[in-house]
Amino acid sequence: MLQNELFNTVIQDFNTGYWELHKDPEREIWSEKFCNSLGYTIEEIETTIDYFLKYLIDQEDVDVFRDNFFNYRRNAVDFKQYIKIKSKKGNYKLFRCATNDELPVNMKLESHLIFFFEIKIEPEYATTKDNFYYKETAQMTATGSWHVDFIEKKSFWDFETRRILEYPDDYIPSLKDSALYYAEESQEKAADLFFNCAMVGTPFNTEIKMITANKRIFWVKAIGKPVYNENKEIIGVRGVFQDIDEIKKKELGLQKSIDIIASQNSRLFNFAHIVSHNLRSHTSNLSLLVQLIEDIEDPKDKIEFIEQIKQISNSLNITIEHLNEIAAIHTNKAQEKKVIKFQDALNVVTNGIGQTISISKTKINIDFSQLDKINYIPAYLESILLNLITNAIKYKHIDRDPIIDINTYIKNDKKYLKISDNGRGIDLKLFKNKIFGMYKTFHRNKDAVGIGLFLTKNQIESLNGRITVKSEVDKGTTFIIEF
């Protein structure tokens, strides 16, 4: 028996019967209160799960309770369930079963507990009320239940499952057609969860996308557990799923808003850091040179320092121009978006750098068949194309002419632009975290400035998109823009 004063106090407050489970079934205990609630003394009843399943519990409840019981004993999966138990007088009493998580305090117990709370109801209304409340609860919570029987080789759906999945009442579900019930991106996950549950008894509780007979894709919370026979063999899988599409979309929308705010704060912090660092380096040099000039009397030396001041001044002007470009991205977000064709934006870019393309013998392959237009700020789309194309030409491989592949596509309802080249590539092990940094360069080109990719990333993120890169040295680079 448990020798825990806190536990005993809680049990007294509960004033209910319970079972105390152990890995060794011989050590399992039924409390005196539980036996008394059925009209028995402990000496009058066989306190084993086999006896309970065979003689005491209503046979309508036995399958679900057996599943819950063994999952709880083996995997500590808490459960709650209403069951009817036969009393000594021969009538059935209704109980609400609950497990350790029902305890009002967090107690670390060696054993697992199942509590039995007796529900007082009028006998003549019990059956009709149970059925009514089940249907009402299922409809109000948009929760359907299902069962796959490995012995009979059949699948079963309740009325709410058919309603949610938009199948007719006479539709007969089949395990062979299970892929039809899940969105394409969720089919592999669904198959893995079901396989592990069916083969090794691993229960699952997950969020996944399903698809109705009318091709509506929606989010559900899916729970499944194995069904065991008296020999502890898995003979099926049963579970429930709840339509959480509206809640999930709000959650994803909120997360997107949080990500946008975090991204904006990050860009603001980076901008402040760049302004502080870059301007301070120039102003510090200017201040030092001014002090030196004041202390020098030789006119020739002063002229030399003045030339250095001019160089610093020019660099400062360039830096300020770059910072203005960055600031413009954040202040010009109110620019009107327009539906623009990718081909039109590309034509503007290639017309402007036609000479560069011709001299470098660059070949550009285009495929806009999957997505030919997008609602975007035209100047930004042209700037993105310009920076990525000129980068591909500027950092071409010394042994081959540049080939640039540009294509668009849609995946999981998201729109993408992909630009690949066969240039020198970038060593991502060295530069992965610096690729989109300001004034970061990865090759020894004299004309490399390190501002283009920084501006491109800021333009994309200012419109809530993102850019990723894949690259391999001597093979080329691929940029993927998610709009």
Protein backbone atom coordinates (compact mmCIF):
# COMPACT_ATOMS: atom_id res chain seq x y z
CA MET A 1 0.00 0.00 0.00
CA LEU A 2 1.08 3.56 -0.48
CA GLN A 3 2.54 5.06 2.65
CA ASN A 4 2.08 8.70 1.75
CA GLU A 5 0.18 11.04 4.06
CA LEU A 6 -0.46 13.58 1.31
CA PHE A 7 -1.80 10.85 -0.95
CA ASN A 8 -4.09 9.52 1.77
CA THR A 9 -5.40 13.04 2.45
CA VAL A 10 -6.19 13.57 -1.22
CA ILE A 11 -7.94 10.21 -1.47
CA GLN A 12 -10.07 11.05 1.56
CA ASP A 13 -11.02 14.37 -0.03
CA PHE A 14 -11.92 12.60 -3.27
CA ASN A 15 -14.14 10.13 -1.36
CA THR A 16 -14.01 7.73 -4.27
CA GLY A 17 -12.73 4.28 -5.17
CA TYR A 18 -9.53 3.66 -7.08
CA TRP A 19 -7.19 1.05 -8.51
CA GLU A 20 -3.48 1.13 -7.80
CA LEU A 21 -1.55 -0.33 -10.75
CA HIS A 22 1.96 -1.78 -10.90
CA LYS A 23 4.16 -3.25 -13.61
CA ASP A 24 3.66 -6.53 -11.76
CA PRO A 25 -0.10 -7.27 -12.01
CA GLU A 26 0.12 -9.39 -8.84
CA ARG A 27 0.77 -6.20 -6.85
CA GLU A 28 -2.24 -4.31 -8.22
CA ILE A 29 -4.79 -3.23 -5.63
CA TRP A 30 -8.48 -2.31 -5.73
CA SER A 31 -9.46 0.00 -2.91
CA GLU A 32 -12.12 -1.00 -0.40
CA LYS A 33 -14.14 2.06 -1.41
CA PHE A 34 -14.30 0.84 -5.03
CA CYS A 35 -15.47 -2.64 -4.02
CA ASN A 36 -18.04 -1.17 -1.62
CA SER A 37 -19.46 1.09 -4.35
CA LEU A 38 -20.47 -2.10 -6.20
CA GLY A 39 -21.87 -3.74 -3.07
CA TYR A 40 -18.92 -6.09 -2.51
CA THR A 41 -16.35 -6.51 0.20
CA ILE A 42 -12.74 -7.02 -0.88
CA GLU A 43 -13.00 -10.68 0.10
CA GLU A 44 -16.05 -11.27 -2.12
CA ILE A 45 -14.58 -10.19 -5.45
CA GLU A 46 -11.63 -11.20 -7.63
CA THR A 47 -9.54 -8.06 -8.04
CA THR A 48 -7.97 -8.69 -11.45
CA ILE A 49 -8.29 -6.92 -14.78
CA ASP A 50 -9.27 -10.17 -16.52
CA TYR A 51 -12.19 -10.72 -14.13
CA PHE A 52 -13.24 -7.08 -14.48
CA LEU A 53 -13.28 -7.20 -18.29
CA LYS A 54 -15.09 -10.53 -18.41
CA TYR A 55 -17.74 -10.16 -15.68
CA LEU A 56 -18.08 -6.58 -14.43
CA ILE A 57 -17.77 -3.93 -17.14
CA ASP A 58 -20.58 -3.46 -19.67
CA GLN A 59 -19.51 -5.16 -22.90
CA GLU A 60 -20.23 -1.96 -24.87
CA ASP A 61 -17.44 -0.27 -22.93
CA VAL A 62 -14.95 -3.12 -22.73
CA ASP A 63 -12.95 -2.49 -25.94
CA VAL A 64 -12.23 1.17 -25.30
CA PHE A 65 -11.52 0.60 -21.61
CA ARG A 66 -9.17 -2.31 -22.37
CA ASP A 67 -7.23 -0.10 -24.81
CA ASN A 68 -7.04 2.76 -22.34
CA PHE A 69 -6.07 0.49 -19.45
CA PHE A 70 -3.15 -1.23 -21.15
CA ASN A 71 -1.89 2.00 -22.74
CA TYR A 72 -1.95 3.58 -19.30
CA ARG A 73 -0.21 0.65 -17.63
CA ARG A 74 2.50 0.31 -20.33
CA ASN A 75 2.96 3.84 -21.65
CA ALA A 76 1.54 6.06 -18.88
CA VAL A 77 -0.98 7.57 -21.32
CA ASP A 78 -3.59 9.28 -19.13
CA PHE A 79 -7.25 8.89 -20.04
CA LYS A 80 -10.78 9.75 -18.99
CA GLN A 81 -13.79 7.56 -19.84
CA TYR A 82 -17.37 6.93 -18.80
CA ILE A 83 -18.15 3.23 -18.21
CA LYS A 84 -20.96 1.12 -16.76
CA ILE A 85 -20.03 -1.50 -14.13
CA LYS A 86 -22.24 -4.34 -12.91
CA SER A 87 -22.97 -4.26 -9.16
CA LYS A 88 -23.52 -7.20 -6.81
CA LYS A 89 -27.28 -6.70 -7.22
CA GLY A 90 -26.99 -7.18 -10.98
CA ASN A 91 -27.76 -3.61 -12.06
CA TYR A 92 -25.24 -1.36 -13.83
CA LYS A 93 -23.81 1.80 -12.33
CA LEU A 94 -22.24 4.64 -14.31
CA PHE A 95 -18.70 5.76 -13.40
CA ARG A 96 -16.29 8.37 -14.69
CA CYS A 97 -12.77 6.92 -14.86
CA ALA A 98 -9.76 9.22 -14.52
CA THR A 99 -6.03 8.76 -13.95
CA ASN A 100 -3.12 10.39 -12.12
CA ASP A 101 -3.53 13.71 -13.93
CA GLU A 102 -6.83 14.11 -12.04
CA LEU A 103 -4.93 14.63 -8.78
CA PRO A 104 -5.14 18.26 -7.62
CA VAL A 105 -1.48 18.29 -6.62
CA ASN A 106 1.66 17.25 -8.45
CA MET A 107 2.68 14.06 -6.68
CA LYS A 108 5.39 11.73 -7.93
CA LEU A 109 3.95 8.29 -7.25
CA GLU A 110 5.56 4.92 -7.78
CA SER A 111 2.32 3.50 -9.13
CA HIS A 112 -0.39 4.60 -11.54
CA LEU A 113 -3.91 5.23 -10.26
CA ILE A 114 -7.33 4.90 -11.86
CA PHE A 115 -10.15 6.68 -10.00
CA PHE A 116 -13.81 5.69 -10.31
CA PHE A 117 -16.25 8.54 -9.68
CA GLU A 118 -19.83 7.29 -9.48
CA ILE A 119 -22.35 9.28 -11.55
CA LYS A 120 -25.88 9.41 -10.19
CA ILE A 121 -28.47 9.39 -13.01
CA GLU A 122 -32.01 8.22 -13.47
CA PRO A 123 -31.84 4.63 -14.85
CA GLU A 124 -34.64 5.06 -17.38
CA TYR A 125 -32.83 8.00 -19.01
CA ALA A 126 -29.30 6.62 -18.96
CA THR A 127 -29.21 4.99 -22.40
CA THR A 128 -30.97 7.77 -24.30
CA LYS A 129 -29.00 10.49 -22.53
CA ASP A 130 -25.65 8.80 -23.21
CA ASN A 131 -26.42 8.56 -26.92
CA PHE A 132 -27.79 12.11 -27.07
CA TYR A 133 -24.84 13.64 -25.22
CA TYR A 134 -22.36 11.68 -27.34
CA LYS A 135 -23.81 12.98 -30.59
CA GLU A 136 -24.23 16.51 -29.28
CA THR A 137 -20.67 16.58 -27.93
CA ALA A 138 -19.25 15.19 -31.18
CA GLN A 139 -21.08 17.79 -33.26
CA MET A 140 -20.33 20.75 -31.00
CA THR A 141 -16.63 19.91 -30.81
CA ALA A 142 -16.37 18.71 -34.44
CA THR A 143 -14.85 15.44 -33.22
CA GLY A 144 -15.09 12.20 -35.18
CA SER A 145 -14.04 8.69 -34.15
CA TRP A 146 -12.71 5.78 -36.21
CA HIS A 147 -11.61 2.18 -35.76
CA VAL A 148 -9.55 -0.20 -37.89
CA ASP A 149 -10.16 -3.89 -37.10
CA PHE A 150 -7.24 -6.12 -38.19
CA ILE A 151 -9.19 -9.33 -37.50
CA GLU A 152 -12.24 -8.44 -39.58
CA LYS A 153 -10.08 -6.37 -41.95
CA LYS A 154 -12.56 -3.53 -41.83
CA SER A 155 -12.54 0.19 -41.08
CA PHE A 156 -15.32 1.99 -39.20
CA TRP A 157 -16.29 5.67 -39.04
CA ASP A 158 -18.91 7.29 -36.85
CA PHE A 159 -21.49 9.74 -38.21
CA GLU A 160 -19.40 12.82 -37.32
CA THR A 161 -16.33 11.52 -39.18
CA ARG A 162 -18.40 11.19 -42.35
CA ARG A 163 -19.83 14.67 -41.85
CA ILE A 164 -16.44 16.32 -41.27
CA LEU A 165 -14.81 14.54 -44.22
CA GLU A 166 -17.88 15.25 -46.39
CA TYR A 167 -18.56 11.63 -47.32
CA PRO A 168 -22.10 10.24 -47.70
CA ASP A 169 -23.67 8.12 -44.95
CA ASP A 170 -23.37 4.95 -47.04
CA TYR A 171 -19.64 5.43 -47.75
CA ILE A 172 -17.54 2.46 -46.61
CA PRO A 173 -14.01 3.53 -45.54
CA SER A 174 -11.02 1.36 -46.37
CA LEU A 175 -7.46 1.25 -45.08
CA LYS A 176 -6.32 0.95 -48.70
CA ASP A 177 -7.78 4.39 -49.41
CA SER A 178 -6.32 6.05 -46.31
CA ALA A 179 -3.97 8.24 -48.37
CA LEU A 180 -7.06 9.91 -49.85
CA TYR A 181 -8.02 11.27 -46.43
CA TYR A 182 -4.79 13.24 -45.88
CA ALA A 183 -3.27 16.25 -47.63
CA GLU A 184 -0.32 15.33 -49.82
CA GLU A 185 2.27 16.85 -47.48
CA SER A 186 0.81 14.92 -44.51
CA GLN A 187 0.47 11.46 -46.07
CA GLU A 188 3.93 10.20 -45.09
CA LYS A 189 3.53 11.44 -41.51
CA ALA A 190 0.09 9.81 -41.21
CA ALA A 191 1.41 6.50 -42.54
CA ASP A 192 4.37 6.50 -40.12
CA LEU A 193 2.17 7.24 -37.09
CA PHE A 194 -0.35 4.53 -37.99
CA PHE A 195 2.39 1.97 -38.72
CA ASN A 196 4.15 2.56 -35.38
CA CYS A 197 0.84 2.36 -33.55
CA ALA A 198 -0.22 -0.84 -35.32
CA MET A 199 3.13 -2.63 -35.15
CA VAL A 200 4.69 -1.62 -31.82
CA GLY A 201 1.76 -0.08 -29.96
CA THR A 202 2.98 3.52 -29.93
CA PRO A 203 0.01 5.85 -29.38
CA PHE A 204 -0.01 9.19 -31.18
CA ASN A 205 -1.33 12.67 -30.52
CA THR A 206 -0.55 15.12 -33.31
CA GLU A 207 -1.75 17.94 -35.55
CA ILE A 208 -2.01 17.05 -39.22
CA LYS A 209 -3.72 18.14 -42.44
CA MET A 210 -6.64 16.10 -43.81
CA ILE A 211 -8.63 16.47 -47.03
CA THR A 212 -12.36 16.03 -47.54
CA ALA A 213 -14.18 14.28 -50.37
CA ASN A 214 -14.69 17.75 -51.87
CA LYS A 215 -10.93 18.47 -51.72
CA ARG A 216 -11.09 20.93 -48.82
CA ILE A 217 -7.81 20.79 -46.89
CA PHE A 218 -8.03 21.48 -43.16
CA TRP A 219 -6.13 20.99 -39.89
CA VAL A 220 -7.12 18.35 -37.33
CA LYS A 221 -5.88 17.16 -33.97
CA ALA A 222 -5.54 13.39 -34.32
CA ILE A 223 -5.25 10.86 -31.49
CA GLY A 224 -4.82 7.12 -31.95
CA LYS A 225 -4.23 4.09 -29.73
CA PRO A 226 -3.72 0.37 -30.38
CA VAL A 227 -6.47 -2.16 -29.58
CA TYR A 228 -5.32 -5.25 -27.64
CA ASN A 229 -6.93 -8.67 -27.20
CA GLU A 230 -6.84 -10.75 -24.03
CA ASN A 231 -3.40 -12.07 -25.07
CA LYS A 232 -2.06 -8.51 -25.24
CA GLU A 233 -1.77 -8.72 -29.03
CA ILE A 234 -2.57 -5.69 -31.18
CA ILE A 235 -5.74 -6.43 -33.13
CA GLY A 236 -6.58 -2.96 -34.37
CA VAL A 237 -6.21 0.78 -33.98
CA ARG A 238 -8.87 3.23 -32.85
CA GLY A 239 -8.85 6.96 -32.41
CA VAL A 240 -10.49 10.34 -32.76
CA PHE A 241 -9.79 13.52 -34.66
CA GLN A 242 -11.03 17.06 -34.13
CA ASP A 243 -11.40 19.81 -36.71
CA ILE A 244 -9.10 22.61 -35.47
CA ASP A 245 -8.71 24.39 -38.79
CA GLU A 246 -9.93 27.80 -37.65
CA ILE A 247 -7.88 27.72 -34.46
CA LYS A 248 -4.76 26.47 -36.27
CA LYS A 249 -4.97 29.16 -38.95
CA LYS A 250 -5.26 31.84 -36.26
CA GLU A 251 -2.27 30.31 -34.48
CA LEU A 252 -0.20 30.26 -37.68
CA GLY A 253 -1.30 33.82 -38.47
CA LEU A 254 -0.28 34.97 -35.01
CA GLN A 255 3.08 33.21 -35.33
CA LYS A 256 3.62 34.87 -38.71
CA SER A 257 2.90 38.27 -37.15
CA ILE A 258 5.34 37.52 -34.35
CA ASP A 259 7.99 36.47 -36.89
CA ILE A 260 7.40 39.66 -38.90
CA ILE A 261 7.77 41.85 -35.82
CA ALA A 262 10.90 39.96 -34.77
CA SER A 263 12.34 40.34 -38.28
CA GLN A 264 11.56 44.06 -38.32
CA ASN A 265 13.16 44.54 -34.91
CA SER A 266 16.20 42.59 -36.07
CA ARG A 267 16.56 44.71 -39.20
CA LEU A 268 16.16 47.89 -37.16
CA PHE A 269 18.84 46.74 -34.73
CA ASN A 270 21.18 45.80 -37.58
CA PHE A 271 20.59 49.12 -39.29
CA ALA A 272 21.37 51.02 -36.09
CA HIS A 273 24.52 48.94 -35.65
CA ILE A 274 25.64 49.59 -39.23
CA VAL A 275 25.01 53.32 -38.95
CA SER A 276 26.87 53.50 -35.66
CA HIS A 277 29.81 51.35 -36.77
CA ASN A 278 30.32 52.66 -40.30
CA LEU A 279 29.85 56.35 -39.60
CA ARG A 280 31.94 56.21 -36.45
CA SER A 281 34.91 54.71 -38.30
CA HIS A 282 34.83 57.52 -40.87
CA THR A 283 34.28 60.34 -38.38
CA SER A 284 37.03 59.02 -36.10
CA ASN A 285 39.51 59.08 -38.99
CA LEU A 286 38.42 62.58 -39.98
CA SER A 287 38.75 63.84 -36.43
CA LEU A 288 42.24 62.37 -36.11
CA LEU A 289 43.42 63.90 -39.41
CA VAL A 290 42.04 67.32 -38.44
CA GLN A 291 44.02 67.21 -35.20
CA LEU A 292 47.17 66.21 -37.07
CA ILE A 293 46.76 69.05 -39.58
CA GLU A 294 46.43 71.56 -36.76
CA ASP A 295 49.76 70.38 -35.33
CA ILE A 296 51.66 70.34 -38.66
CA GLU A 297 53.31 73.46 -40.05
CA ASP A 298 54.86 72.06 -43.25
CA PRO A 299 52.47 72.93 -46.17
CA LYS A 300 53.47 69.78 -48.11
CA ASP A 301 52.49 67.54 -45.20
CA LYS A 302 49.21 69.40 -44.83
CA ILE A 303 48.42 68.84 -48.53
CA GLU A 304 49.05 65.12 -48.08
CA PHE A 305 46.65 64.96 -45.12
CA ILE A 306 44.05 66.97 -47.01
CA GLU A 307 44.14 64.35 -49.81
CA GLN A 308 43.50 61.67 -47.21
CA ILE A 309 40.57 63.71 -45.87
CA LYS A 310 39.14 63.84 -49.42
CA GLN A 311 39.38 60.04 -49.71
CA ILE A 312 37.63 59.56 -46.36
CA SER A 313 34.99 62.10 -47.39
CA ASN A 314 34.30 60.16 -50.61
CA SER A 315 34.03 56.90 -48.67
CA LEU A 316 31.69 58.59 -46.21
CA ASN A 317 29.45 59.78 -49.06
CA ILE A 318 29.28 56.25 -50.50
CA THR A 319 28.42 54.83 -47.07
CA ILE A 320 25.67 57.41 -46.59
CA GLU A 321 24.25 56.56 -50.03
CA HIS A 322 24.13 52.89 -49.07
CA LEU A 323 22.46 53.70 -45.76
CA ASN A 324 19.92 55.85 -47.58
CA GLU A 325 19.10 52.90 -49.83
CA ILE A 326 18.52 50.71 -46.79
CA ALA A 327 16.41 53.36 -45.06
CA ALA A 328 14.36 53.79 -48.24
CA ILE A 329 13.36 50.12 -48.10
CA HIS A 330 11.73 50.63 -44.72
CA THR A 331 10.17 54.00 -45.49
CA ASN A 332 8.89 53.07 -48.97
CA LYS A 333 6.92 49.99 -47.96
CA ALA A 334 3.81 52.02 -48.64
CA GLN A 335 4.63 51.87 -52.34
CA GLU A 336 1.73 50.40 -54.23
CA LYS A 337 1.90 46.73 -55.11
CA LYS A 338 0.90 45.83 -58.63
CA VAL A 339 0.29 42.62 -60.51
CA ILE A 340 3.47 42.32 -62.54
CA LYS A 341 4.57 39.62 -64.96
CA PHE A 342 7.94 38.08 -64.20
CA GLN A 343 8.82 38.27 -67.89
CA ASP A 344 8.14 42.02 -67.96
CA ALA A 345 10.32 42.63 -64.89
CA LEU A 346 13.08 40.48 -66.39
CA ASN A 347 12.89 42.39 -69.69
CA VAL A 348 13.48 45.67 -67.86
CA VAL A 349 16.57 44.20 -66.20
CA THR A 350 18.07 42.50 -69.27
CA ASN A 351 17.52 45.60 -71.40
CA GLY A 352 19.48 47.62 -68.87
CA ILE A 353 22.43 45.22 -68.69
CA GLY A 354 22.24 43.83 -72.21
CA GLN A 355 25.82 44.82 -72.98
CA THR A 356 27.11 43.04 -69.87
CA ILE A 357 25.16 39.89 -70.75
CA SER A 358 26.49 39.94 -74.31
CA ILE A 359 30.16 40.56 -73.44
CA SER A 360 30.14 37.83 -70.76
CA LYS A 361 28.41 35.37 -73.15
CA THR A 362 25.79 34.69 -70.50
CA LYS A 363 22.90 32.36 -71.33
CA ILE A 364 19.66 32.83 -69.39
CA ASN A 365 17.09 30.01 -69.31
CA ILE A 366 13.57 31.00 -68.25
CA ASP A 367 10.50 29.04 -67.11
CA PHE A 368 7.57 31.04 -65.76
CA SER A 369 4.93 28.48 -66.79
CA GLN A 370 3.84 27.57 -63.24
CA LEU A 371 3.66 31.16 -62.01
CA ASP A 372 3.79 33.95 -64.57
CA LYS A 373 2.86 36.96 -62.43
CA ILE A 374 2.76 38.19 -58.85
CA ASN A 375 1.35 41.06 -56.80
CA TYR A 376 4.54 42.90 -55.80
CA ILE A 377 6.31 46.25 -55.82
CA PRO A 378 7.72 46.38 -59.39
CA ALA A 379 10.89 48.26 -58.40
CA TYR A 380 11.70 45.63 -55.77
CA LEU A 381 11.20 42.68 -58.13
CA GLU A 382 13.40 44.34 -60.74
CA SER A 383 16.05 45.11 -58.09
CA ILE A 384 16.03 41.48 -56.86
CA LEU A 385 16.45 40.13 -60.39
CA LEU A 386 19.15 42.69 -61.19
CA ASN A 387 21.26 41.95 -58.12
CA LEU A 388 21.10 38.17 -58.47
CA ILE A 389 21.75 38.17 -62.23
CA THR A 390 24.67 40.62 -62.06
CA ASN A 391 26.14 38.63 -59.15
CA ALA A 392 25.97 35.45 -61.25
CA ILE A 393 27.81 37.22 -64.07
CA LYS A 394 30.30 39.00 -61.84
CA TYR A 395 31.30 35.78 -60.05
CA LYS A 396 31.23 33.49 -63.09
CA HIS A 397 33.53 30.47 -63.23
CA ILE A 398 36.80 31.15 -65.00
CA ASP A 399 36.56 27.97 -67.12
CA ARG A 400 33.01 28.31 -68.48
CA ASP A 401 30.48 30.80 -69.75
CA PRO A 402 27.73 31.77 -67.32
CA ILE A 403 24.40 29.91 -67.45
CA ILE A 404 21.57 31.32 -65.35
CA ASP A 405 18.33 29.38 -64.80
CA ILE A 406 15.33 31.41 -63.64
CA ASN A 407 12.01 29.75 -62.84
CA THR A 408 8.92 30.21 -60.69
CA TYR A 409 6.67 27.65 -59.02
CA ILE A 410 4.00 27.10 -56.37
CA LYS A 411 4.42 24.63 -53.50
CA ASN A 412 2.05 24.14 -50.57
CA ASP A 413 0.12 27.26 -51.64
CA LYS A 414 3.30 29.37 -51.46
CA LYS A 415 4.91 31.19 -54.40
CA TYR A 416 8.62 30.90 -55.19
CA LEU A 417 11.24 32.37 -57.51
CA LYS A 418 14.43 30.34 -58.04
CA ILE A 419 17.61 31.69 -59.64
CA SER A 420 20.53 29.30 -60.20
CA ASP A 421 23.94 29.77 -61.82
CA ASN A 422 27.00 27.67 -62.71
CA GLY A 423 29.51 30.10 -61.24
CA ARG A 424 32.24 29.82 -58.65
CA GLY A 425 29.89 29.03 -55.79
CA ILE A 426 30.22 30.03 -52.16
CA ASP A 427 31.77 28.03 -49.34
CA LEU A 428 28.77 27.89 -47.00
CA LYS A 429 30.82 26.31 -44.23
CA LEU A 430 32.83 29.52 -44.03
CA PHE A 431 30.32 32.17 -45.09
CA LYS A 432 26.83 30.81 -44.36
CA ASN A 433 26.12 33.41 -41.66
CA LYS A 434 27.71 36.27 -43.61
CA ILE A 435 26.17 35.92 -47.07
CA PHE A 436 23.54 38.61 -46.55
CA GLY A 437 25.68 40.87 -44.38
CA MET A 438 26.51 44.44 -45.38
CA TYR A 439 29.96 44.85 -46.98
CA LYS A 440 30.53 41.07 -46.85
CA THR A 441 32.36 39.67 -49.90
CA PHE A 442 33.38 36.07 -50.68
CA HIS A 443 35.62 36.45 -53.72
CA ARG A 444 38.59 38.61 -54.61
CA ASN A 445 36.95 40.72 -57.29
CA LYS A 446 38.17 44.31 -57.10
CA ASP A 447 34.67 45.64 -57.82
CA ALA A 448 33.03 43.56 -55.07
CA VAL A 449 31.28 45.86 -52.58
CA GLY A 450 29.05 43.55 -50.54
CA ILE A 451 25.86 45.62 -50.60
CA GLY A 452 23.67 43.89 -53.24
CA LEU A 453 22.64 40.77 -51.32
CA PHE A 454 22.13 42.83 -48.17
CA LEU A 455 19.69 45.13 -49.99
CA THR A 456 17.98 42.19 -51.70
CA LYS A 457 17.34 40.42 -48.40
CA ASN A 458 15.97 43.61 -46.82
CA GLN A 459 13.64 44.24 -49.75
CA ILE A 460 12.27 40.69 -49.62
CA GLU A 461 11.83 40.64 -45.84
CA SER A 462 10.20 44.08 -45.79
CA LEU A 463 7.34 42.46 -47.75
CA ASN A 464 7.23 39.47 -45.36
CA GLY A 465 9.10 37.11 -47.67
CA ARG A 466 12.37 35.27 -47.19
CA ILE A 467 15.42 34.27 -49.20
CA THR A 468 17.56 31.15 -48.81
CA VAL A 469 20.73 30.02 -50.55
CA LYS A 470 22.29 26.72 -51.62
CA SER A 471 25.80 26.70 -53.01
CA GLU A 472 28.75 24.47 -53.76
CA VAL A 473 32.25 25.69 -54.59
CA ASP A 474 33.12 25.37 -58.31
CA LYS A 475 29.59 24.21 -59.16
CA GLY A 476 27.32 27.19 -58.62
CA THR A 477 24.75 28.90 -56.44
CA THR A 478 20.96 28.81 -56.12
CA PHE A 479 18.85 31.51 -54.48
CA ILE A 480 15.22 30.73 -53.60
CA ILE A 481 12.83 33.58 -52.83
CA GLU A 482 9.59 32.78 -51.02
CA PHE A 483 7.06 35.55 -51.57
